[in-house]
PDB file of N, CA and C in Angstrom:
ATOM      1  N   MET A   1       0.618  -0.984   0.362  1.00  0.00           N
ATOM      2  CA  MET A   1      -0.179  -0.099   0.004  1.00  0.00           C
ATOM      3  C   MET A   1       1.119   1.637  -0.227  1.00  0.00           C
ATOM      4  N   ARG A   2       0.861   2.471  -0.696  1.00  0.00           N
ATOM      5  CA  ARG A   2       1.452   3.706  -0.506  1.00  0.00           C
ATOM      6  C   ARG A   2       0.480   4.570  -0.338  1.00  0.00           C
ATOM      7  N   VAL A   3       1.204   5.804   0.858  1.00  0.00           N
ATOM      8  CA  VAL A   3       0.037   6.841   1.198  1.00  0.00           C
ATOM      9  C   VAL A   3       0.884   7.581   0.972  1.00  0.00           C
ATOM     10  N   ASN A   4       0.644   8.587   0.106  1.00  0.00           N
ATOM     11  CA  ASN A   4       1.474  10.152  -0.111  1.00  0.00           C
ATOM     12  C   ASN A   4       0.057  11.308  -0.122  1.00  0.00           C
ATOM     13  N   GLY A   5       1.183  12.438   0.134  1.00  0.00           N
ATOM     14  CA  GLY A   5      -0.524  13.622  -0.059  1.00  0.00           C
ATOM     15  C   GLY A   5       1.345  14.584  -0.680  1.00  0.00           C
ATOM     16  N   VAL A   6      -0.221  15.530  -0.842  1.00  0.00           N
ATOM     17  CA  VAL A   6       0.372  16.572  -1.461  1.00  0.00           C
ATOM     18  C   VAL A   6      -0.613  17.917  -0.585  1.00  0.00           C
ATOM     19  N   SER A   7       0.891  18.830  -0.574  1.00  0.00           N
ATOM     20  CA  SER A   7       0.815  20.443  -0.122  1.00  0.00           C
ATOM     21  C   SER A   7       0.822  21.399  -0.679  1.00  0.00           C
ATOM     22  N   SER A   8      -0.134  22.343  -0.987  1.00  0.00           N
ATOM     23  CA  SER A   8      -0.124  23.388  -1.551  1.00  0.00           C
ATOM     24  C   SER A   8      -0.190  24.114  -1.111  1.00  0.00           C
ATOM     25  N   SER A   9       0.473  25.472  -1.190  1.00  0.00           N
ATOM     26  CA  SER A   9       0.610  26.917  -1.167  1.00  0.00           C
ATOM     27  C   SER A   9      -0.464  27.692  -1.734  1.00  0.00           C
ATOM     28  N   THR A  10      -0.777  28.671  -1.852  1.00  0.00           N
ATOM     29  CA  THR A  10      -1.238  29.881  -2.830  1.00  0.00           C
ATOM     30  C   THR A  10      -1.925  29.073  -3.887  1.00  0.00           C
ATOM     31  N   ILE A  11      -2.836  29.219  -4.195  1.00  0.00           N
ATOM     32  CA  ILE A  11      -3.241  29.016  -6.078  1.00  0.00           C
ATOM     33  C   ILE A  11      -4.096  29.742  -6.490  1.00  0.00           C
ATOM     34  N   MET A  12      -3.499  30.370  -6.946  1.00  0.00           N
ATOM     35  CA  MET A  12      -4.260  31.597  -7.875  1.00  0.00           C
ATOM     36  C   MET A  12      -5.696  30.804  -8.752  1.00  0.00           C
ATOM     37  N   MET A  13      -6.553  31.048  -9.079  1.00  0.00           N
ATOM     38  CA  MET A  13      -7.596  31.145  -9.394  1.00  0.00           C
ATOM     39  C   MET A  13      -8.508  32.204  -9.887  1.00  0.00           C
ATOM     40  N   ASP A  14      -9.347  31.822 -10.825  1.00  0.00           N
ATOM     41  CA  ASP A  14     -10.186  32.921 -11.347  1.00  0.00           C
ATOM     42  C   ASP A  14     -10.696  34.106 -10.377  1.00  0.00           C
ATOM     43  N   ARG A  15     -11.619  33.355  -9.538  1.00  0.00           N
ATOM     44  CA  ARG A  15     -11.987  34.023  -8.536  1.00  0.00           C
ATOM     45  C   ARG A  15     -11.480  34.282  -7.613  1.00  0.00           C
ATOM     46  N   LEU A  16     -10.121  33.892  -7.449  1.00  0.00           N
ATOM     47  CA  LEU A  16      -9.178  34.930  -6.124  1.00  0.00           C
ATOM     48  C   LEU A  16      -8.532  35.660  -6.521  1.00  0.00           C
ATOM     49  N   GLU A  17      -8.102  35.742  -8.454  1.00  0.00           N
ATOM     50  CA  GLU A  17      -7.174  36.741  -8.560  1.00  0.00           C
ATOM     51  C   GLU A  17      -8.001  38.264  -8.566  1.00  0.00           C
ATOM     52  N   GLY A  18      -9.564  37.689  -8.950  1.00  0.00           N
ATOM     53  CA  GLY A  18      -9.887  39.531  -9.028  1.00  0.00           C
ATOM     54  C   GLY A  18     -10.447  39.864  -7.909  1.00  0.00           C
ATOM     55  N   ARG A  19     -10.322  39.360  -6.544  1.00  0.00           N
ATOM     56  CA  ARG A  19     -10.526  39.533  -5.363  1.00  0.00           C
ATOM     57  C   ARG A  19      -9.059  40.088  -4.563  1.00  0.00           C
ATOM     58  N   MET A  20      -8.115  39.967  -4.556  1.00  0.00           N
ATOM     59  CA  MET A  20      -6.658  39.865  -4.515  1.00  0.00           C
ATOM     60  C   MET A  20      -6.409  41.364  -4.441  1.00  0.00           C
ATOM     61  N   PRO A  21      -6.110  42.017  -3.586  1.00  0.00           N
ATOM     62  CA  PRO A  21      -5.742  43.602  -4.153  1.00  0.00           C
ATOM     63  C   PRO A  21      -4.030  43.226  -4.825  1.00  0.00           C
ATOM     64  N   GLN A  22      -3.843  43.996  -6.064  1.00  0.00           N
ATOM     65  CA  GLN A  22      -2.135  44.156  -6.027  1.00  0.00           C
ATOM     66  C   GLN A  22      -1.149  43.907  -5.149  1.00  0.00           C
ATOM     67  N   GLU A  23      -0.910  44.857  -4.341  1.00  0.00           N
ATOM     68  CA  GLU A  23      -0.307  45.038  -3.155  1.00  0.00           C
ATOM     69  C   GLU A  23      -0.173  43.648  -2.240  1.00  0.00           C
ATOM     70  N   PHE A  24      -1.417  43.145  -2.193  1.00  0.00           N
ATOM     71  CA  PHE A  24      -1.460  41.566  -1.290  1.00  0.00           C
ATOM     72  C   PHE A  24      -0.312  40.708  -2.266  1.00  0.00           C
ATOM     73  N   LYS A  25      -1.260  41.021  -4.026  1.00  0.00           N
ATOM     74  CA  LYS A  25      -0.304  39.827  -4.305  1.00  0.00           C
ATOM     75  C   LYS A  25       1.448  40.116  -4.999  1.00  0.00           C
ATOM     76  N   GLU A  26       1.388  40.816  -4.933  1.00  0.00           N
ATOM     77  CA  GLU A  26       2.924  41.076  -4.788  1.00  0.00           C
ATOM     78  C   GLU A  26       3.469  41.026  -3.858  1.00  0.00           C
ATOM     79  N   ARG A  27       3.069  40.795  -2.134  1.00  0.00           N
ATOM     80  CA  ARG A  27       3.752  40.339  -1.060  1.00  0.00           C
ATOM     81  C   ARG A  27       3.631  39.054  -1.318  1.00  0.00           C
ATOM     82  N   MET A  28       2.445  38.190  -1.728  1.00  0.00           N
ATOM     83  CA  MET A  28       2.615  36.854  -2.120  1.00  0.00           C
ATOM     84  C   MET A  28       3.643  36.268  -3.097  1.00  0.00           C
ATOM     85  N   LEU A  29       3.894  37.315  -3.941  1.00  0.00           N
ATOM     86  CA  LEU A  29       4.728  37.119  -4.937  1.00  0.00           C
ATOM     87  C   LEU A  29       6.273  36.754  -4.416  1.00  0.00           C
ATOM     88  N   ALA A  30       6.210  37.369  -3.792  1.00  0.00           N
ATOM     89  CA  ALA A  30       7.589  37.897  -2.936  1.00  0.00           C
ATOM     90  C   ALA A  30       8.380  36.717  -2.520  1.00  0.00           C
ATOM     91  N   GLU A  31       6.996  35.969  -1.555  1.00  0.00           N
ATOM     92  CA  GLU A  31       7.648  34.455  -0.641  1.00  0.00           C
ATOM     93  C   GLU A  31       7.672  33.511  -1.994  1.00  0.00           C
ATOM     94  N   HIS A  32       7.250  33.398  -3.013  1.00  0.00           N
ATOM     95  CA  HIS A  32       7.822  32.087  -3.228  1.00  0.00           C
ATOM     96  C   HIS A  32       9.204  32.446  -4.725  1.00  0.00           C
ATOM     97  N   PRO A  33      10.076  31.972  -4.259  1.00  0.00           N
ATOM     98  CA  PRO A  33      11.741  31.828  -4.553  1.00  0.00           C
ATOM     99  C   PRO A  33      11.226  31.779  -6.548  1.00  0.00           C
ATOM    100  N   LEU A  34      10.051  30.864  -6.855  1.00  0.00           N
ATOM    101  CA  LEU A  34       9.964  30.608  -8.334  1.00  0.00           C
ATOM    102  C   LEU A  34       8.996  31.566  -9.361  1.00  0.00           C
ATOM    103  N   GLY A  35       8.744  33.442  -8.043  1.00  0.00           N
ATOM    104  CA  GLY A  35       8.386  34.369  -8.850  1.00  0.00           C
ATOM    105  C   GLY A  35       6.502  34.085  -9.279  1.00  0.00           C
ATOM    106  N   ARG A  36       5.874  33.363  -9.165  1.00  0.00           N
ATOM    107  CA  ARG A  36       4.730  32.916  -9.646  1.00  0.00           C
ATOM    108  C   ARG A  36       3.622  32.263  -7.919  1.00  0.00           C
ATOM    109  N   LEU A  37       2.677  32.416  -8.305  1.00  0.00           N
ATOM    110  CA  LEU A  37       1.955  31.611  -7.721  1.00  0.00           C
ATOM    111  C   LEU A  37       1.597  30.615  -8.292  1.00  0.00           C
ATOM    112  N   GLY A  38       0.825  29.868  -7.825  1.00  0.00           N
ATOM    113  CA  GLY A  38       0.601  28.491  -8.406  1.00  0.00           C
ATOM    114  C   GLY A  38      -0.545  28.458  -8.931  1.00  0.00           C
ATOM    115  N   THR A  39      -0.991  27.289  -9.550  1.00  0.00           N
ATOM    116  CA  THR A  39      -2.132  27.142 -10.281  1.00  0.00           C
ATOM    117  C   THR A  39      -2.514  26.309  -9.896  1.00  0.00           C
ATOM    118  N   PRO A  40      -4.093  25.757 -10.784  1.00  0.00           N
ATOM    119  CA  PRO A  40      -4.618  24.365 -10.153  1.00  0.00           C
ATOM    120  C   PRO A  40      -3.943  23.312 -10.727  1.00  0.00           C
ATOM    121  N   LEU A  41      -3.310  23.652 -11.801  1.00  0.00           N
ATOM    122  CA  LEU A  41      -2.523  22.538 -13.099  1.00  0.00           C
ATOM    123  C   LEU A  41      -1.292  22.116 -12.678  1.00  0.00           C
ATOM    124  N   ASP A  42      -0.825  22.950 -11.746  1.00  0.00           N
ATOM    125  CA  ASP A  42       0.393  23.034 -10.632  1.00  0.00           C
ATOM    126  C   ASP A  42      -0.123  21.677  -9.437  1.00  0.00           C
ATOM    127  N   VAL A  43      -1.203  22.297  -9.102  1.00  0.00           N
ATOM    128  CA  VAL A  43      -1.517  20.357  -7.912  1.00  0.00           C
ATOM    129  C   VAL A  43      -1.964  19.433  -8.924  1.00  0.00           C
ATOM    130  N   ALA A  44      -2.119  19.671 -10.301  1.00  0.00           N
ATOM    131  CA  ALA A  44      -3.080  18.713 -10.349  1.00  0.00           C
ATOM    132  C   ALA A  44      -1.872  17.972 -11.563  1.00  0.00           C
ATOM    133  N   ASN A  45      -0.957  17.984 -11.351  1.00  0.00           N
ATOM    134  CA  ASN A  45       0.197  17.458 -12.464  1.00  0.00           C
ATOM    135  C   ASN A  45       0.830  16.611 -11.037  1.00  0.00           C
ATOM    136  N   VAL A  46       1.344  17.070  -9.958  1.00  0.00           N
ATOM    137  CA  VAL A  46       1.332  16.213  -9.104  1.00  0.00           C
ATOM    138  C   VAL A  46       0.717  15.252  -8.923  1.00  0.00           C
ATOM    139  N   THR A  47      -0.392  15.271  -7.993  1.00  0.00           N
ATOM    140  CA  THR A  47      -1.456  14.289  -7.646  1.00  0.00           C
ATOM    141  C   THR A  47      -1.833  13.414  -9.084  1.00  0.00           C
ATOM    142  N   ALA A  48      -1.486  13.838 -10.331  1.00  0.00           N
ATOM    143  CA  ALA A  48      -1.766  13.015 -11.399  1.00  0.00           C
ATOM    144  C   ALA A  48      -0.352  11.873 -11.661  1.00  0.00           C
ATOM    145  N   PHE A  49       0.854  12.153 -10.883  1.00  0.00           N
ATOM    146  CA  PHE A  49       2.072  11.662 -10.987  1.00  0.00           C
ATOM    147  C   PHE A  49       2.069  10.585 -10.463  1.00  0.00           C
ATOM    148  N   LEU A  50       1.630  11.485  -8.355  1.00  0.00           N
ATOM    149  CA  LEU A  50       1.642  10.392  -7.434  1.00  0.00           C
ATOM    150  C   LEU A  50       0.194   9.248  -7.942  1.00  0.00           C
ATOM    151  N   ALA A  51      -0.517   9.734  -8.592  1.00  0.00           N
ATOM    152  CA  ALA A  51      -1.329   8.300  -8.928  1.00  0.00           C
ATOM    153  C   ALA A  51      -1.266   7.717  -9.977  1.00  0.00           C
ATOM    154  N   SER A  52      -0.148   7.674 -10.440  1.00  0.00           N
ATOM    155  CA  SER A  52       0.774   7.083 -11.614  1.00  0.00           C
ATOM    156  C   SER A  52       1.618   5.706 -11.192  1.00  0.00           C
ATOM    157  N   GLU A  53       1.665   5.056 -11.928  1.00  0.00           N
ATOM    158  CA  GLU A  53       2.930   3.849 -11.712  1.00  0.00           C
ATOM    159  C   GLU A  53       4.302   4.690 -12.264  1.00  0.00           C
ATOM    160  N   THR A  54       3.995   6.057 -12.527  1.00  0.00           N
ATOM    161  CA  THR A  54       5.596   6.042 -12.369  1.00  0.00           C
ATOM    162  C   THR A  54       6.079   6.399 -10.626  1.00  0.00           C
ATOM    163  N   SER A  55       5.272   6.715 -10.379  1.00  0.00           N
ATOM    164  CA  SER A  55       5.203   6.305  -9.216  1.00  0.00           C
ATOM    165  C   SER A  55       5.796   5.665  -8.114  1.00  0.00           C
ATOM    166  N   SER A  56       5.346   4.752  -8.444  1.00  0.00           N
ATOM    167  CA  SER A  56       5.417   3.485  -8.024  1.00  0.00           C
ATOM    168  C   SER A  56       6.050   2.636  -6.408  1.00  0.00           C
ATOM    169  N   TRP A  57       7.216   3.564  -6.524  1.00  0.00           N
ATOM    170  CA  TRP A  57       8.447   3.343  -5.429  1.00  0.00           C
ATOM    171  C   TRP A  57       8.415   4.358  -4.763  1.00  0.00           C
ATOM    172  N   ILE A  58       7.198   5.377  -5.170  1.00  0.00           N
ATOM    173  CA  ILE A  58       7.581   5.966  -3.937  1.00  0.00           C
ATOM    174  C   ILE A  58       6.102   6.271  -2.789  1.00  0.00           C
ATOM    175  N   THR A  59       6.502   6.037  -1.450  1.00  0.00           N
ATOM    176  CA  THR A  59       5.010   6.313  -0.526  1.00  0.00           C
ATOM    177  C   THR A  59       6.176   6.735   0.778  1.00  0.00           C
ATOM    178  N   GLY A  60       4.997   7.396   2.348  1.00  0.00           N
ATOM    179  CA  GLY A  60       5.294   7.953   2.639  1.00  0.00           C
ATOM    180  C   GLY A  60       5.700   9.409   2.874  1.00  0.00           C
ATOM    181  N   LEU A  61       5.129  10.147   1.817  1.00  0.00           N
ATOM    182  CA  LEU A  61       5.414  11.546   1.237  1.00  0.00           C
ATOM    183  C   LEU A  61       4.838  12.187   0.645  1.00  0.00           C
ATOM    184  N   THR A  62       4.844  13.733   1.588  1.00  0.00           N
ATOM    185  CA  THR A  62       4.054  14.523   1.233  1.00  0.00           C
ATOM    186  C   THR A  62       4.929  15.633   0.454  1.00  0.00           C
ATOM    187  N   ILE A  63       4.145  16.123  -0.903  1.00  0.00           N
ATOM    188  CA  ILE A  63       4.860  17.152  -1.733  1.00  0.00           C
ATOM    189  C   ILE A  63       4.457  18.425  -1.545  1.00  0.00           C
ATOM    190  N   ASP A  64       5.869  19.225  -1.409  1.00  0.00           N
ATOM    191  CA  ASP A  64       5.383  20.835  -0.949  1.00  0.00           C
ATOM    192  C   ASP A  64       5.013  21.386  -2.538  1.00  0.00           C
ATOM    193  N   VAL A  65       4.130  21.758  -3.214  1.00  0.00           N
ATOM    194  CA  VAL A  65       3.457  22.401  -4.445  1.00  0.00           C
ATOM    195  C   VAL A  65       3.402  23.841  -3.935  1.00  0.00           C
ATOM    196  N   ALA A  66       4.667  23.625  -3.802  1.00  0.00           N
ATOM    197  CA  ALA A  66       4.580  26.052  -3.230  1.00  0.00           C
ATOM    198  C   ALA A  66       5.623  26.673  -3.810  1.00  0.00           C
ATOM    199  N   GLY A  67       6.524  26.472  -4.555  1.00  0.00           N
ATOM    200  CA  GLY A  67       6.831  26.960  -5.737  1.00  0.00           C
ATOM    201  C   GLY A  67       8.359  27.532  -4.629  1.00  0.00           C
ATOM    202  N   GLY A  68       8.351  26.413  -4.297  1.00  0.00           N
ATOM    203  CA  GLY A  68       9.999  26.931  -3.234  1.00  0.00           C
ATOM    204  C   GLY A  68       9.848  27.592  -1.952  1.00  0.00           C
ATOM    205  N   LYS A  69       8.532  27.863  -1.519  1.00  0.00           N
ATOM    206  CA  LYS A  69       8.290  28.766  -0.675  1.00  0.00           C
ATOM    207  C   LYS A  69       8.840  28.079   1.088  1.00  0.00           C
ATOM    208  N   TRP A  70       8.695  26.894   0.985  1.00  0.00           N
ATOM    209  CA  TRP A  70       9.198  25.655   2.127  1.00  0.00           C
ATOM    210  C   TRP A  70      10.422  25.040   2.267  1.00  0.00           C
ATOM    211  N   MET A  71      10.903  25.299   1.314  1.00  0.00           N
ATOM    212  CA  MET A  71      12.594  25.150   0.916  1.00  0.00           C
ATOM    213  C   MET A  71      12.803  24.751   2.470  1.00  0.00           C
ATOM    214  N   PRO A  72      13.939  23.592   3.197  1.00  0.00           N
ATOM    215  CA  PRO A  72      14.702  23.512   4.183  1.00  0.00           C
ATOM    216  C   PRO A  72      15.964  24.264   4.104  1.00  0.00           C
TER     217      PRO A  72
END
């Protein structure tokens, strides 16, 4: 049995982008070393990988989909 998880940081969705003040968005961008906020596709790609046979030798792992925000 394999058990893995996905932990995401701020994910930019259409409804969020329209409500987020520009200064708050800039502050959030500064917290992510990759220089952008995540998208639903970023999370979906990691989830699809973990659900695929390509990850069949991975278990007990949580993948941070956070653009580098939570680097050790």
